Amino acid sequence: MSNIIHVTDANFEEAVRNSDRTVLVDFWAPWCGPCKTVAPLLEVLADEFADEITIAKVNVDESPEVTARMGIRSIPTLALFKEGGVVAQQTGAGSLNQLRTFVKGHQ
């Protein structure tokens, strides 16, 4: 089972802010080239950190409310949530090692 969930305006609060797990949220869009580069790396992280974090994807075109509320201006943007709040955020595509370090550094 994949540890990646798809989140929308309708379920963001429940799936991310109210989660009892750390959640890594990928703000992305299907037309975004760098987002396509990050997607398979997130699959690897979802397997590696399956017992520790949930990875959520938010399509910015389909979820404009949460995108605006979070102040997302560039994609891909990754936001790490713990206990309902953002503890770290980064914009742009990175290597697998960079993403792994991002997650490990803020757990």
N, C-alpha and C. Protein backbone atom coordinates (compact mmCIF):
# COMPACT_ATOMS: atom_id res chain seq x y z
N MET A 1 0.84 -1.19 0.00
CA MET A 1 0.00 0.00 0.00
C MET A 1 0.88 1.25 0.00
N SER A 2 0.55 2.16 -0.86
CA SER A 2 1.31 3.41 -0.93
C SER A 2 0.98 4.28 0.27
N ASN A 3 1.98 4.95 0.77
CA ASN A 3 1.78 5.85 1.91
C ASN A 3 1.55 7.27 1.41
N ILE A 4 1.15 7.40 0.14
CA ILE A 4 0.86 8.71 -0.44
C ILE A 4 -0.65 8.87 -0.57
N ILE A 5 -1.15 9.96 -0.01
CA ILE A 5 -2.57 10.24 -0.10
C ILE A 5 -2.78 11.51 -0.92
N HIS A 6 -3.95 11.62 -1.52
CA HIS A 6 -4.28 12.83 -2.28
C HIS A 6 -5.26 13.65 -1.45
N VAL A 7 -4.89 14.90 -1.24
CA VAL A 7 -5.62 15.78 -0.34
C VAL A 7 -6.18 16.95 -1.13
N THR A 8 -7.37 17.40 -0.73
CA THR A 8 -8.04 18.51 -1.41
C THR A 8 -8.45 19.57 -0.37
N ASP A 9 -9.05 20.64 -0.87
CA ASP A 9 -9.59 21.65 0.03
C ASP A 9 -10.54 21.02 1.04
N ALA A 10 -11.31 20.04 0.57
CA ALA A 10 -12.36 19.43 1.41
C ALA A 10 -11.80 18.62 2.58
N ASN A 11 -10.65 17.98 2.40
CA ASN A 11 -10.17 17.09 3.47
C ASN A 11 -8.79 17.47 4.03
N PHE A 12 -8.28 18.64 3.69
CA PHE A 12 -6.95 19.04 4.15
C PHE A 12 -6.85 19.09 5.67
N GLU A 13 -7.82 19.73 6.30
CA GLU A 13 -7.79 19.86 7.76
C GLU A 13 -7.72 18.49 8.42
N GLU A 14 -8.60 17.61 8.00
CA GLU A 14 -8.66 16.28 8.60
C GLU A 14 -7.40 15.46 8.30
N ALA A 15 -7.00 15.44 7.03
CA ALA A 15 -5.89 14.57 6.61
C ALA A 15 -4.52 15.07 7.02
N VAL A 16 -4.34 16.39 7.11
CA VAL A 16 -3.02 16.96 7.38
C VAL A 16 -2.95 17.59 8.78
N ARG A 17 -3.75 18.59 9.01
CA ARG A 17 -3.66 19.32 10.27
C ARG A 17 -4.08 18.49 11.49
N ASN A 18 -5.03 17.58 11.31
CA ASN A 18 -5.50 16.77 12.43
C ASN A 18 -4.86 15.39 12.48
N SER A 19 -3.87 15.14 11.64
CA SER A 19 -3.21 13.84 11.62
C SER A 19 -2.37 13.63 12.88
N ASP A 20 -2.33 12.41 13.37
CA ASP A 20 -1.47 12.11 14.51
C ASP A 20 -0.07 11.73 14.06
N ARG A 21 0.17 11.79 12.75
CA ARG A 21 1.49 11.51 12.18
C ARG A 21 2.08 12.78 11.59
N THR A 22 3.39 12.76 11.38
CA THR A 22 4.02 13.83 10.62
C THR A 22 3.58 13.66 9.16
N VAL A 23 3.25 14.77 8.50
CA VAL A 23 2.77 14.71 7.12
C VAL A 23 3.63 15.62 6.25
N LEU A 24 4.17 15.04 5.17
CA LEU A 24 4.91 15.80 4.17
C LEU A 24 3.94 16.09 3.03
N VAL A 25 3.64 17.36 2.80
CA VAL A 25 2.68 17.76 1.77
C VAL A 25 3.43 18.29 0.56
N ASP A 26 3.11 17.71 -0.60
CA ASP A 26 3.67 18.13 -1.88
C ASP A 26 2.60 18.95 -2.60
N PHE A 27 2.83 20.26 -2.74
CA PHE A 27 1.95 21.12 -3.52
C PHE A 27 2.46 21.07 -4.96
N TRP A 28 1.63 20.62 -5.88
CA TRP A 28 2.08 20.32 -7.24
C TRP A 28 0.95 20.61 -8.24
N ALA A 29 1.28 20.46 -9.53
CA ALA A 29 0.29 20.54 -10.61
C ALA A 29 0.74 19.63 -11.74
N PRO A 30 -0.20 19.08 -12.51
CA PRO A 30 0.16 18.14 -13.57
C PRO A 30 1.00 18.76 -14.69
N TRP A 31 0.92 20.08 -14.87
CA TRP A 31 1.65 20.75 -15.95
C TRP A 31 3.05 21.18 -15.51
N CYS A 32 3.42 20.94 -14.27
CA CYS A 32 4.69 21.41 -13.70
C CYS A 32 5.79 20.38 -13.91
N GLY A 33 6.79 20.74 -14.71
CA GLY A 33 7.90 19.83 -15.00
C GLY A 33 8.66 19.38 -13.76
N PRO A 34 9.12 20.31 -12.92
CA PRO A 34 9.84 19.90 -11.70
C PRO A 34 8.99 19.02 -10.78
N CYS A 35 7.67 19.23 -10.80
CA CYS A 35 6.78 18.39 -9.97
C CYS A 35 6.85 16.93 -10.43
N LYS A 36 6.95 16.75 -11.74
CA LYS A 36 7.05 15.39 -12.29
C LYS A 36 8.36 14.73 -11.89
N THR A 37 9.40 15.54 -11.68
CA THR A 37 10.70 15.03 -11.24
C THR A 37 10.64 14.58 -9.78
N VAL A 38 9.89 15.32 -8.97
CA VAL A 38 9.80 15.03 -7.54
C VAL A 38 8.91 13.82 -7.26
N ALA A 39 7.88 13.60 -8.07
CA ALA A 39 6.88 12.56 -7.80
C ALA A 39 7.48 11.17 -7.53
N PRO A 40 8.37 10.65 -8.39
CA PRO A 40 8.91 9.32 -8.11
C PRO A 40 9.81 9.29 -6.87
N LEU A 41 10.44 10.42 -6.55
CA LEU A 41 11.27 10.49 -5.35
C LEU A 41 10.40 10.40 -4.10
N LEU A 42 9.22 10.98 -4.17
CA LEU A 42 8.30 10.91 -3.04
C LEU A 42 7.80 9.48 -2.83
N GLU A 43 7.66 8.73 -3.93
CA GLU A 43 7.29 7.32 -3.81
C GLU A 43 8.35 6.56 -3.02
N VAL A 44 9.62 6.84 -3.30
CA VAL A 44 10.72 6.19 -2.58
C VAL A 44 10.67 6.57 -1.10
N LEU A 45 10.49 7.86 -0.83
CA LEU A 45 10.41 8.32 0.56
C LEU A 45 9.20 7.71 1.27
N ALA A 46 8.09 7.56 0.57
CA ALA A 46 6.89 6.98 1.18
C ALA A 46 7.18 5.56 1.65
N ASP A 47 7.97 4.82 0.88
CA ASP A 47 8.34 3.46 1.29
C ASP A 47 9.34 3.50 2.44
N GLU A 48 10.34 4.34 2.33
CA GLU A 48 11.40 4.42 3.35
C GLU A 48 10.88 4.85 4.71
N PHE A 49 9.96 5.82 4.71
CA PHE A 49 9.47 6.40 5.96
C PHE A 49 8.04 5.96 6.28
N ALA A 50 7.61 4.83 5.75
CA ALA A 50 6.22 4.38 5.88
C ALA A 50 5.75 4.32 7.33
N ASP A 51 6.64 3.98 8.24
CA ASP A 51 6.25 3.87 9.65
C ASP A 51 6.29 5.21 10.39
N GLU A 52 6.83 6.24 9.73
CA GLU A 52 7.06 7.50 10.42
C GLU A 52 6.24 8.67 9.91
N ILE A 53 6.06 8.76 8.59
CA ILE A 53 5.35 9.91 8.03
C ILE A 53 4.33 9.47 6.98
N THR A 54 3.40 10.37 6.72
CA THR A 54 2.48 10.23 5.61
C THR A 54 2.87 11.28 4.59
N ILE A 55 2.83 10.91 3.32
CA ILE A 55 3.08 11.88 2.26
C ILE A 55 1.75 12.18 1.59
N ALA A 56 1.45 13.47 1.48
CA ALA A 56 0.20 13.92 0.88
C ALA A 56 0.50 14.81 -0.32
N LYS A 57 -0.32 14.69 -1.35
CA LYS A 57 -0.17 15.51 -2.54
C LYS A 57 -1.39 16.41 -2.67
N VAL A 58 -1.14 17.71 -2.90
CA VAL A 58 -2.21 18.67 -3.11
C VAL A 58 -2.03 19.27 -4.50
N ASN A 59 -2.99 19.01 -5.39
CA ASN A 59 -2.99 19.59 -6.73
C ASN A 59 -3.45 21.05 -6.57
N VAL A 60 -2.55 22.00 -6.83
CA VAL A 60 -2.85 23.41 -6.58
C VAL A 60 -3.99 23.93 -7.47
N ASP A 61 -4.16 23.33 -8.65
CA ASP A 61 -5.23 23.76 -9.54
C ASP A 61 -6.60 23.31 -9.01
N GLU A 62 -6.64 22.16 -8.36
CA GLU A 62 -7.90 21.61 -7.86
C GLU A 62 -8.20 22.04 -6.42
N SER A 63 -7.22 22.59 -5.73
CA SER A 63 -7.41 22.99 -4.33
C SER A 63 -6.90 24.41 -4.09
N PRO A 64 -7.58 25.40 -4.71
CA PRO A 64 -7.09 26.78 -4.61
C PRO A 64 -7.20 27.37 -3.20
N GLU A 65 -8.16 26.91 -2.40
CA GLU A 65 -8.34 27.50 -1.07
C GLU A 65 -7.15 27.19 -0.16
N VAL A 66 -6.79 25.92 -0.05
CA VAL A 66 -5.67 25.55 0.83
C VAL A 66 -4.36 26.09 0.27
N THR A 67 -4.24 26.13 -1.05
CA THR A 67 -3.03 26.67 -1.68
C THR A 67 -2.86 28.14 -1.30
N ALA A 68 -3.93 28.90 -1.37
CA ALA A 68 -3.87 30.32 -1.01
C ALA A 68 -3.63 30.49 0.49
N ARG A 69 -4.33 29.70 1.30
CA ARG A 69 -4.20 29.80 2.76
C ARG A 69 -2.77 29.49 3.20
N MET A 70 -2.12 28.58 2.49
CA MET A 70 -0.74 28.21 2.82
C MET A 70 0.28 29.17 2.21
N GLY A 71 -0.17 30.09 1.36
CA GLY A 71 0.73 31.06 0.75
C GLY A 71 1.65 30.45 -0.29
N ILE A 72 1.18 29.41 -0.96
CA ILE A 72 2.00 28.73 -1.97
C ILE A 72 2.02 29.57 -3.24
N ARG A 73 3.21 30.01 -3.65
CA ARG A 73 3.35 30.84 -4.83
C ARG A 73 4.17 30.15 -5.93
N SER A 74 4.97 29.16 -5.56
CA SER A 74 5.78 28.41 -6.52
C SER A 74 5.61 26.93 -6.22
N ILE A 75 5.69 26.13 -7.27
CA ILE A 75 5.61 24.68 -7.10
C ILE A 75 6.76 24.03 -7.84
N PRO A 76 7.20 22.86 -7.40
CA PRO A 76 6.69 22.16 -6.23
C PRO A 76 7.15 22.82 -4.94
N THR A 77 6.26 22.83 -3.96
CA THR A 77 6.59 23.24 -2.61
C THR A 77 6.28 22.07 -1.70
N LEU A 78 7.22 21.74 -0.85
CA LEU A 78 7.04 20.68 0.14
C LEU A 78 6.93 21.32 1.51
N ALA A 79 5.90 20.94 2.25
CA ALA A 79 5.70 21.46 3.61
C ALA A 79 5.58 20.27 4.55
N LEU A 80 6.33 20.32 5.63
CA LEU A 80 6.32 19.25 6.61
C LEU A 80 5.49 19.72 7.81
N PHE A 81 4.43 18.97 8.10
CA PHE A 81 3.52 19.30 9.19
C PHE A 81 3.73 18.34 10.35
N LYS A 82 3.79 18.91 11.55
CA LYS A 82 3.82 18.13 12.78
C LYS A 82 2.82 18.74 13.73
N GLU A 83 1.99 17.90 14.30
CA GLU A 83 0.98 18.36 15.27
C GLU A 83 0.17 19.53 14.72
N GLY A 84 -0.15 19.47 13.43
CA GLY A 84 -1.02 20.46 12.81
C GLY A 84 -0.36 21.70 12.27
N GLY A 85 0.93 21.89 12.52
CA GLY A 85 1.60 23.09 12.06
C GLY A 85 2.78 22.79 11.16
N VAL A 86 3.15 23.77 10.35
CA VAL A 86 4.29 23.62 9.45
C VAL A 86 5.58 23.78 10.26
N VAL A 87 6.46 22.78 10.17
CA VAL A 87 7.76 22.86 10.86
C VAL A 87 8.89 23.14 9.88
N ALA A 88 8.63 22.91 8.58
CA ALA A 88 9.65 23.17 7.56
C ALA A 88 8.96 23.26 6.20
N GLN A 89 9.57 24.05 5.32
CA GLN A 89 9.02 24.20 3.97
C GLN A 89 10.16 24.47 3.01
N GLN A 90 10.05 23.89 1.82
CA GLN A 90 11.04 24.16 0.78
C GLN A 90 10.35 24.16 -0.58
N THR A 91 10.89 24.97 -1.47
CA THR A 91 10.35 25.09 -2.81
C THR A 91 11.38 24.61 -3.81
N GLY A 92 10.91 23.93 -4.85
CA GLY A 92 11.78 23.46 -5.92
C GLY A 92 12.06 21.98 -5.80
N ALA A 93 12.49 21.42 -6.91
CA ALA A 93 12.81 20.00 -6.95
C ALA A 93 14.21 19.78 -6.39
N GLY A 94 14.38 18.70 -5.69
CA GLY A 94 15.69 18.36 -5.16
C GLY A 94 16.00 16.90 -5.47
N SER A 95 17.19 16.50 -5.14
CA SER A 95 17.57 15.09 -5.34
C SER A 95 16.95 14.25 -4.24
N LEU A 96 17.01 12.96 -4.39
CA LEU A 96 16.48 12.05 -3.37
C LEU A 96 17.19 12.29 -2.04
N ASN A 97 18.51 12.46 -2.08
CA ASN A 97 19.25 12.69 -0.84
C ASN A 97 18.86 14.01 -0.18
N GLN A 98 18.63 15.05 -0.99
CA GLN A 98 18.21 16.33 -0.43
C GLN A 98 16.84 16.22 0.23
N LEU A 99 15.93 15.50 -0.41
CA LEU A 99 14.59 15.33 0.16
C LEU A 99 14.64 14.48 1.42
N ARG A 100 15.46 13.46 1.40
CA ARG A 100 15.63 12.59 2.58
C ARG A 100 16.16 13.40 3.76
N THR A 101 17.15 14.25 3.50
CA THR A 101 17.73 15.10 4.54
C THR A 101 16.70 16.09 5.06
N PHE A 102 15.89 16.64 4.17
CA PHE A 102 14.82 17.56 4.56
C PHE A 102 13.88 16.89 5.56
N VAL A 103 13.46 15.68 5.25
CA VAL A 103 12.53 14.95 6.12
C VAL A 103 13.21 14.59 7.43
N LYS A 104 14.39 14.01 7.36
CA LYS A 104 15.08 13.56 8.57
C LYS A 104 15.44 14.73 9.49
N GLY A 105 15.76 15.86 8.91
CA GLY A 105 16.18 17.01 9.70
C GLY A 105 15.07 17.68 10.49
N HIS A 106 13.83 17.29 10.22
CA HIS A 106 12.70 17.96 10.87
C HIS A 106 11.72 16.98 11.50
N GLN A 107 12.16 15.77 11.75
CA GLN A 107 11.23 14.80 12.35
C GLN A 107 11.13 14.98 13.83
